[in-house]
PDB file of N, CA and C in Angstrom:
ATOM      1  N   MET A   1      95.602  98.363  99.977  1.00  0.00           N
ATOM      2  CA  MET A   1      96.441  97.348  99.343  1.00  0.00           C
ATOM      3  C   MET A   1      97.722  98.007  98.859  1.00  0.00           C
ATOM      4  N   SER A   2      98.789  97.328  98.975  1.00  0.00           N
ATOM      5  CA  SER A   2     100.072  97.865  98.554  1.00  0.00           C
ATOM      6  C   SER A   2     100.498  97.247  97.232  1.00  0.00           C
ATOM      7  N   ALA A   3     101.765  97.400  96.914  1.00  0.00           N
ATOM      8  CA  ALA A   3     102.334  96.859  95.672  1.00  0.00           C
ATOM      9  C   ALA A   3     101.579  97.360  94.453  1.00  0.00           C
ATOM     10  N   CYS A   4     101.466  98.682  94.375  1.00  0.00           N
ATOM     11  CA  CYS A   4     100.833  99.313  93.208  1.00  0.00           C
ATOM     12  C   CYS A   4      99.383  98.889  93.039  1.00  0.00           C
ATOM     13  N   SER A   5      98.710  98.598  94.111  1.00  0.00           N
ATOM     14  CA  SER A   5      97.293  98.222  94.109  1.00  0.00           C
ATOM     15  C   SER A   5      97.003  96.939  93.348  1.00  0.00           C
ATOM     16  N   ARG A   6      97.978  96.091  93.200  1.00  0.00           N
ATOM     17  CA  ARG A   6      97.742  94.794  92.569  1.00  0.00           C
ATOM     18  C   ARG A   6      97.405  93.771  93.639  1.00  0.00           C
ATOM     19  N   SER A   7      96.559  92.833  93.271  1.00  0.00           N
ATOM     20  CA  SER A   7      96.214  91.780  94.218  1.00  0.00           C
ATOM     21  C   SER A   7      97.374  90.798  94.345  1.00  0.00           C
ATOM     22  N   ILE A   8      97.346  90.021  95.394  1.00  0.00           N
ATOM     23  CA  ILE A   8      98.377  89.007  95.595  1.00  0.00           C
ATOM     24  C   ILE A   8      98.350  88.013  94.444  1.00  0.00           C
ATOM     25  N   GLN A   9      97.179  87.657  93.992  1.00  0.00           N
ATOM     26  CA  GLN A   9      97.073  86.720  92.873  1.00  0.00           C
ATOM     27  C   GLN A   9      97.689  87.303  91.600  1.00  0.00           C
ATOM     28  N   GLU A  10      97.489  88.594  91.360  1.00  0.00           N
ATOM     29  CA  GLU A  10      98.109  89.233  90.193  1.00  0.00           C
ATOM     30  C   GLU A  10      99.627  89.236  90.318  1.00  0.00           C
ATOM     31  N   LEU A  11     100.122  89.535  91.507  1.00  0.00           N
ATOM     32  CA  LEU A  11     101.569  89.546  91.724  1.00  0.00           C
ATOM     33  C   LEU A  11     102.165  88.157  91.565  1.00  0.00           C
ATOM     34  N   ARG A  12     101.431  87.136  91.973  1.00  0.00           N
ATOM     35  CA  ARG A  12     101.920  85.755  91.852  1.00  0.00           C
ATOM     36  C   ARG A  12     102.135  85.364  90.388  1.00  0.00           C
ATOM     37  N   LYS A  13     101.368  85.963  89.503  1.00  0.00           N
ATOM     38  CA  LYS A  13     101.532  85.676  88.074  1.00  0.00           C
ATOM     39  C   LYS A  13     102.827  86.285  87.528  1.00  0.00           C
ATOM     40  N   LEU A  14     103.359  87.279  88.232  1.00  0.00           N
ATOM     41  CA  LEU A  14     104.561  87.972  87.780  1.00  0.00           C
ATOM     42  C   LEU A  14     105.848  87.379  88.336  1.00  0.00           C
ATOM     43  N   THR A  15     105.749  86.680  89.470  1.00  0.00           N
ATOM     44  CA  THR A  15     106.959  86.153  90.109  1.00  0.00           C
ATOM     45  C   THR A  15     106.645  84.938  90.967  1.00  0.00           C
ATOM     46  N   GLN A  16     107.642  84.118  91.156  1.00  0.00           N
ATOM     47  CA  GLN A  16     107.532  82.977  92.060  1.00  0.00           C
ATOM     48  C   GLN A  16     108.186  83.293  93.408  1.00  0.00           C
ATOM     49  N   LYS A  17     108.688  84.496  93.551  1.00  0.00           N
ATOM     50  CA  LYS A  17     109.370  84.887  94.779  1.00  0.00           C
ATOM     51  C   LYS A  17     108.370  85.174  95.894  1.00  0.00           C
ATOM     52  N   THR A  18     108.869  85.201  97.106  1.00  0.00           N
ATOM     53  CA  THR A  18     108.044  85.537  98.264  1.00  0.00           C
ATOM     54  C   THR A  18     107.627  87.000  98.184  1.00  0.00           C
ATOM     55  N   LEU A  19     106.367  87.261  98.500  1.00  0.00           N
ATOM     56  CA  LEU A  19     105.824  88.614  98.432  1.00  0.00           C
ATOM     57  C   LEU A  19     105.795  89.252  99.812  1.00  0.00           C
ATOM     58  N   LEU A  20     106.087  90.536  99.883  1.00  0.00           N
ATOM     59  CA  LEU A  20     105.960  91.334 101.098  1.00  0.00           C
ATOM     60  C   LEU A  20     104.913  92.389 100.800  1.00  0.00           C
ATOM     61  N   THR A  21     103.705  92.186 101.318  1.00  0.00           N
ATOM     62  CA  THR A  21     102.590  93.068 100.990  1.00  0.00           C
ATOM     63  C   THR A  21     101.436  92.796 101.948  1.00  0.00           C
ATOM     64  N   GLY A  22     100.322  93.455 101.725  1.00  0.00           N
ATOM     65  CA  GLY A  22      99.117  93.124 102.460  1.00  0.00           C
ATOM     66  C   GLY A  22      98.445  94.262 103.191  1.00  0.00           C
ATOM     67  N   ILE A  23      99.214  95.251 103.646  1.00  0.00           N
ATOM     68  CA  ILE A  23      98.622  96.367 104.379  1.00  0.00           C
ATOM     69  C   ILE A  23      98.999  97.663 103.666  1.00  0.00           C
ATOM     70  N   ASP A  24      98.004  98.487 103.383  1.00  0.00           N
ATOM     71  CA  ASP A  24      98.239  99.765 102.712  1.00  0.00           C
ATOM     72  C   ASP A  24      99.128 100.636 103.595  1.00  0.00           C
ATOM     73  N   HIS A  25     100.332 100.935 103.112  1.00  0.00           N
ATOM     74  CA  HIS A  25     101.306 101.676 103.916  1.00  0.00           C
ATOM     75  C   HIS A  25     101.066 103.183 103.934  1.00  0.00           C
ATOM     76  N   GLU A  26     100.256 103.686 103.026  1.00  0.00           N
ATOM     77  CA  GLU A  26     100.018 105.129 102.976  1.00  0.00           C
ATOM     78  C   GLU A  26      98.780 105.536 103.773  1.00  0.00           C
ATOM     79  N   ARG A  27      97.781 104.678 103.786  1.00  0.00           N
ATOM     80  CA  ARG A  27      96.544 105.031 104.484  1.00  0.00           C
ATOM     81  C   ARG A  27      96.341 104.188 105.738  1.00  0.00           C
ATOM     82  N   THR A  28      96.074 102.923 105.554  1.00  0.00           N
ATOM     83  CA  THR A  28      95.641 102.084 106.665  1.00  0.00           C
ATOM     84  C   THR A  28      96.671 101.984 107.781  1.00  0.00           C
ATOM     85  N   MET A  29      97.925 101.736 107.447  1.00  0.00           N
ATOM     86  CA  MET A  29      98.936 101.548 108.486  1.00  0.00           C
ATOM     87  C   MET A  29      99.182 102.830 109.274  1.00  0.00           C
ATOM     88  N   VAL A  30      99.033 103.982 108.624  1.00  0.00           N
ATOM     89  CA  VAL A  30      99.288 105.258 109.293  1.00  0.00           C
ATOM     90  C   VAL A  30      98.023 105.810 109.955  1.00  0.00           C
ATOM     91  N   GLN A  31      96.899 105.751 109.238  1.00  0.00           N
ATOM     92  CA  GLN A  31      95.682 106.398 109.715  1.00  0.00           C
ATOM     93  C   GLN A  31      94.719 105.453 110.429  1.00  0.00           C
ATOM     94  N   GLY A  32      94.879 104.150 110.190  1.00  0.00           N
ATOM     95  CA  GLY A  32      94.014 103.165 110.856  1.00  0.00           C
ATOM     96  C   GLY A  32      92.611 103.172 110.314  1.00  0.00           C
ATOM     97  N   PRO A  33      91.706 102.713 111.115  1.00  0.00           N
ATOM     98  CA  PRO A  33      91.811 102.311 112.511  1.00  0.00           C
ATOM     99  C   PRO A  33      92.442 100.926 112.651  1.00  0.00           C
ATOM    100  N   PRO A  34      92.747 100.498 113.883  1.00  0.00           N
ATOM    101  CA  PRO A  34      93.329  99.173 114.066  1.00  0.00           C
ATOM    102  C   PRO A  34      92.488  98.057 113.443  1.00  0.00           C
ATOM    103  N   GLU A  35      91.180  98.209 113.478  1.00  0.00           N
ATOM    104  CA  GLU A  35      90.301  97.197 112.873  1.00  0.00           C
ATOM    105  C   GLU A  35      90.507  97.124 111.365  1.00  0.00           C
ATOM    106  N   GLY A  36      90.835  98.252 110.751  1.00  0.00           N
ATOM    107  CA  GLY A  36      91.132  98.264 109.322  1.00  0.00           C
ATOM    108  C   GLY A  36      92.423  97.540 109.012  1.00  0.00           C
ATOM    109  N   VAL A  37      93.423  97.726 109.885  1.00  0.00           N
ATOM    110  CA  VAL A  37      94.691  97.008 109.734  1.00  0.00           C
ATOM    111  C   VAL A  37      94.432  95.511 109.823  1.00  0.00           C
ATOM    112  N   GLN A  38      93.651  95.105 110.817  1.00  0.00           N
ATOM    113  CA  GLN A  38      93.339  93.684 110.979  1.00  0.00           C
ATOM    114  C   GLN A  38      92.586  93.133 109.777  1.00  0.00           C
ATOM    115  N   ALA A  39      91.635  93.885 109.266  1.00  0.00           N
ATOM    116  CA  ALA A  39      90.852  93.422 108.117  1.00  0.00           C
ATOM    117  C   ALA A  39      91.739  93.235 106.890  1.00  0.00           C
ATOM    118  N   GLU A  40      92.617  94.190 106.619  1.00  0.00           N
ATOM    119  CA  GLU A  40      93.520  94.054 105.470  1.00  0.00           C
ATOM    120  C   GLU A  40      94.481  92.890 105.673  1.00  0.00           C
ATOM    121  N   ALA A  41      94.962  92.730 106.892  1.00  0.00           N
ATOM    122  CA  ALA A  41      95.887  91.632 107.182  1.00  0.00           C
ATOM    123  C   ALA A  41      95.210  90.285 106.967  1.00  0.00           C
ATOM    124  N   ARG A  42      94.019  90.124 107.515  1.00  0.00           N
ATOM    125  CA  ARG A  42      93.295  88.847 107.351  1.00  0.00           C
ATOM    126  C   ARG A  42      93.006  88.554 105.884  1.00  0.00           C
ATOM    127  N   ALA A  43      92.584  89.573 105.145  1.00  0.00           N
ATOM    128  CA  ALA A  43      92.282  89.383 103.722  1.00  0.00           C
ATOM    129  C   ALA A  43      93.532  88.967 102.953  1.00  0.00           C
ATOM    130  N   ALA A  44      94.658  89.584 103.254  1.00  0.00           N
ATOM    131  CA  ALA A  44      95.905  89.251 102.558  1.00  0.00           C
ATOM    132  C   ALA A  44      96.374  87.843 102.904  1.00  0.00           C
ATOM    133  N   ILE A  45      96.278  87.474 104.170  1.00  0.00           N
ATOM    134  CA  ILE A  45      96.670  86.123 104.580  1.00  0.00           C
ATOM    135  C   ILE A  45      95.809  85.091 103.869  1.00  0.00           C
ATOM    136  N   GLU A  46      94.514  85.352 103.823  1.00  0.00           N
ATOM    137  CA  GLU A  46      93.595  84.429 103.144  1.00  0.00           C
ATOM    138  C   GLU A  46      93.917  84.335 101.658  1.00  0.00           C
ATOM    139  N   GLU A  47      94.111  85.478 101.011  1.00  0.00           N
ATOM    140  CA  GLU A  47      94.397  85.477  99.573  1.00  0.00           C
ATOM    141  C   GLU A  47      95.723  84.796  99.258  1.00  0.00           C
ATOM    142  N   SER A  48      96.693  84.937 100.149  1.00  0.00           N
ATOM    143  CA  SER A  48      98.018  84.356  99.895  1.00  0.00           C
ATOM    144  C   SER A  48      98.034  82.846 100.030  1.00  0.00           C
ATOM    145  N   GLY A  49      97.085  82.307 100.769  1.00  0.00           N
ATOM    146  CA  GLY A  49      97.098  80.876 101.025  1.00  0.00           C
ATOM    147  C   GLY A  49      98.180  80.486 102.022  1.00  0.00           C
ATOM    148  N   GLY A  50      98.836  81.479 102.609  1.00  0.00           N
ATOM    149  CA  GLY A  50      99.845  81.219 103.626  1.00  0.00           C
ATOM    150  C   GLY A  50     101.188  80.750 103.098  1.00  0.00           C
ATOM    151  N   THR A  51     101.411  80.892 101.805  1.00  0.00           N
ATOM    152  CA  THR A  51     102.696  80.468 101.243  1.00  0.00           C
ATOM    153  C   THR A  51     103.359  81.623 100.502  1.00  0.00           C
ATOM    154  N   ARG A  52     104.707  81.635 100.520  1.00  0.00           N
ATOM    155  CA  ARG A  52     105.502  82.648  99.820  1.00  0.00           C
ATOM    156  C   ARG A  52     104.952  84.048 100.080  1.00  0.00           C
ATOM    157  N   PHE A  53     104.761  84.357 101.364  1.00  0.00           N
ATOM    158  CA  PHE A  53     104.092  85.597 101.726  1.00  0.00           C
ATOM    159  C   PHE A  53     104.587  86.092 103.082  1.00  0.00           C
ATOM    160  N   ILE A  54     104.943  87.356 103.144  1.00  0.00           N
ATOM    161  CA  ILE A  54     105.278  88.026 104.395  1.00  0.00           C
ATOM    162  C   ILE A  54     104.316  89.201 104.526  1.00  0.00           C
ATOM    163  N   LEU A  55     103.524  89.197 105.577  1.00  0.00           N
ATOM    164  CA  LEU A  55     102.583  90.289 105.793  1.00  0.00           C
ATOM    165  C   LEU A  55     103.343  91.546 106.174  1.00  0.00           C
ATOM    166  N   GLY A  56     103.038  92.631 105.501  1.00  0.00           N
ATOM    167  CA  GLY A  56     103.676  93.895 105.831  1.00  0.00           C
ATOM    168  C   GLY A  56     103.064  95.032 105.045  1.00  0.00           C
ATOM    169  N   PRO A  57     103.426  96.255 105.402  1.00  0.00           N
ATOM    170  CA  PRO A  57     102.943  97.423 104.686  1.00  0.00           C
ATOM    171  C   PRO A  57     103.859  97.762 103.514  1.00  0.00           C
ATOM    172  N   GLY A  58     103.818  96.961 102.475  1.00  0.00           N
ATOM    173  CA  GLY A  58     104.680  97.194 101.325  1.00  0.00           C
ATOM    174  C   GLY A  58     106.123  96.913 101.670  1.00  0.00           C
ATOM    175  N   CYS A  59     107.020  97.697 101.129  1.00  0.00           N
ATOM    176  CA  CYS A  59     108.446  97.435 101.328  1.00  0.00           C
ATOM    177  C   CYS A  59     109.038  98.204 102.496  1.00  0.00           C
ATOM    178  N   ALA A  60     108.245  99.021 103.163  1.00  0.00           N
ATOM    179  CA  ALA A  60     108.760  99.803 104.285  1.00  0.00           C
ATOM    180  C   ALA A  60     107.675  99.991 105.336  1.00  0.00           C
ATOM    181  N   VAL A  61     108.088 100.114 106.571  1.00  0.00           N
ATOM    182  CA  VAL A  61     107.164 100.388 107.662  1.00  0.00           C
ATOM    183  C   VAL A  61     107.201 101.890 107.925  1.00  0.00           C
ATOM    184  N   PRO A  62     106.066 102.563 107.763  1.00  0.00           N
ATOM    185  CA  PRO A  62     106.060 104.007 107.946  1.00  0.00           C
ATOM    186  C   PRO A  62     106.334 104.400 109.399  1.00  0.00           C
ATOM    187  N   SER A  63     107.209 105.365 109.600  1.00  0.00           N
ATOM    188  CA  SER A  63     107.534 105.800 110.961  1.00  0.00           C
ATOM    189  C   SER A  63     106.361 106.499 111.638  1.00  0.00           C
ATOM    190  N   ALA A  64     105.414 106.994 110.852  1.00  0.00           N
ATOM    191  CA  ALA A  64     104.253 107.683 111.418  1.00  0.00           C
ATOM    192  C   ALA A  64     103.156 106.730 111.879  1.00  0.00           C
ATOM    193  N   ALA A  65     103.310 105.444 111.633  1.00  0.00           N
ATOM    194  CA  ALA A  65     102.279 104.474 112.010  1.00  0.00           C
ATOM    195  C   ALA A  65     102.238 104.315 113.529  1.00  0.00           C
ATOM    196  N   PRO A  66     101.046 104.404 114.118  1.00  0.00           N
ATOM    197  CA  PRO A  66     100.924 104.223 115.561  1.00  0.00           C
ATOM    198  C   PRO A  66     101.253 102.785 115.976  1.00  0.00           C
ATOM    199  N   GLU A  67     101.803 102.636 117.155  1.00  0.00           N
ATOM    200  CA  GLU A  67     102.174 101.314 117.656  1.00  0.00           C
ATOM    201  C   GLU A  67     100.968 100.376 117.716  1.00  0.00           C
ATOM    202  N   ARG A  68      99.779 100.914 117.996  1.00  0.00           N
ATOM    203  CA  ARG A  68      98.582 100.067 118.076  1.00  0.00           C
ATOM    204  C   ARG A  68      98.260  99.415 116.730  1.00  0.00           C
ATOM    205  N   HIS A  69      98.703 100.016 115.625  1.00  0.00           N
ATOM    206  CA  HIS A  69      98.460  99.420 114.314  1.00  0.00           C
ATOM    207  C   HIS A  69      99.380  98.224 114.085  1.00  0.00           C
ATOM    208  N   TYR A  70     100.604  98.288 114.601  1.00  0.00           N
ATOM    209  CA  TYR A  70     101.498  97.122 114.544  1.00  0.00           C
ATOM    210  C   TYR A  70     100.905  95.982 115.364  1.00  0.00           C
ATOM    211  N   ALA A  71     100.383  96.326 116.530  1.00  0.00           N
ATOM    212  CA  ALA A  71      99.765  95.317 117.396  1.00  0.00           C
ATOM    213  C   ALA A  71      98.553  94.697 116.715  1.00  0.00           C
ATOM    214  N   ALA A  72      97.782  95.500 116.004  1.00  0.00           N
ATOM    215  CA  ALA A  72      96.605  94.983 115.304  1.00  0.00           C
ATOM    216  C   ALA A  72      97.011  94.004 114.211  1.00  0.00           C
ATOM    217  N   ALA A  73      98.074  94.308 113.488  1.00  0.00           N
ATOM    218  CA  ALA A  73      98.556  93.385 112.449  1.00  0.00           C
ATOM    219  C   ALA A  73      99.020  92.079 113.083  1.00  0.00           C
ATOM    220  N   ARG A  74      99.729  92.171 114.183  1.00  0.00           N
ATOM    221  CA  ARG A  74     100.203  90.972 114.887  1.00  0.00           C
ATOM    222  C   ARG A  74      99.025  90.120 115.346  1.00  0.00           C
ATOM    223  N   GLU A  75      98.006  90.752 115.908  1.00  0.00           N
ATOM    224  CA  GLU A  75      96.824  90.020 116.366  1.00  0.00           C
ATOM    225  C   GLU A  75      96.148  89.294 115.210  1.00  0.00           C
ATOM    226  N   ALA A  76      96.082  89.927 114.045  1.00  0.00           N
ATOM    227  CA  ALA A  76      95.469  89.284 112.880  1.00  0.00           C
ATOM    228  C   ALA A  76      96.256  88.057 112.456  1.00  0.00           C
ATOM    229  N   VAL A  77      97.578  88.154 112.485  1.00  0.00           N
ATOM    230  CA  VAL A  77      98.419  87.005 112.123  1.00  0.00           C
ATOM    231  C   VAL A  77      98.192  85.865 113.100  1.00  0.00           C
ATOM    232  N   LEU A  78      98.198  86.159 114.378  1.00  0.00           N
ATOM    233  CA  LEU A  78      98.005  85.113 115.383  1.00  0.00           C
ATOM    234  C   LEU A  78      96.626  84.474 115.276  1.00  0.00           C
ATOM    235  N   ALA A  79      95.624  85.261 114.929  1.00  0.00           N
ATOM    236  CA  ALA A  79      94.272  84.725 114.780  1.00  0.00           C
ATOM    237  C   ALA A  79      94.158  83.783 113.588  1.00  0.00           C
ATOM    238  N   CYS A  80      95.005  83.977 112.591  1.00  0.00           N
ATOM    239  CA  CYS A  80      94.964  83.134 111.388  1.00  0.00           C
ATOM    240  C   CYS A  80      95.867  81.911 111.503  1.00  0.00           C
ATOM    241  N   ALA A  81      96.665  81.848 112.544  1.00  0.00           N
ATOM    242  CA  ALA A  81      97.621  80.740 112.692  1.00  0.00           C
ATOM    243  C   ALA A  81      96.931  79.450 113.077  1.00  0.00           C
TER     244      ALA A  81
END
């Protein structure tokens, strides 16, 4: 989990702005596995309720993240659509 390990619900109490979060940018996005990326993505989408939310690895995409992890996040989004 990103954003200082706070849940989406906790962050929603702090702001009404759109959140960019959902995938741990230090561990999961870089080290995987792709199934872990998908699991975090699905959990974040579910917790967000699909509103005021952009799925991502915190505020930056790590350059060390394998391309297959980006694909896994995309697949999770499409599966939830």
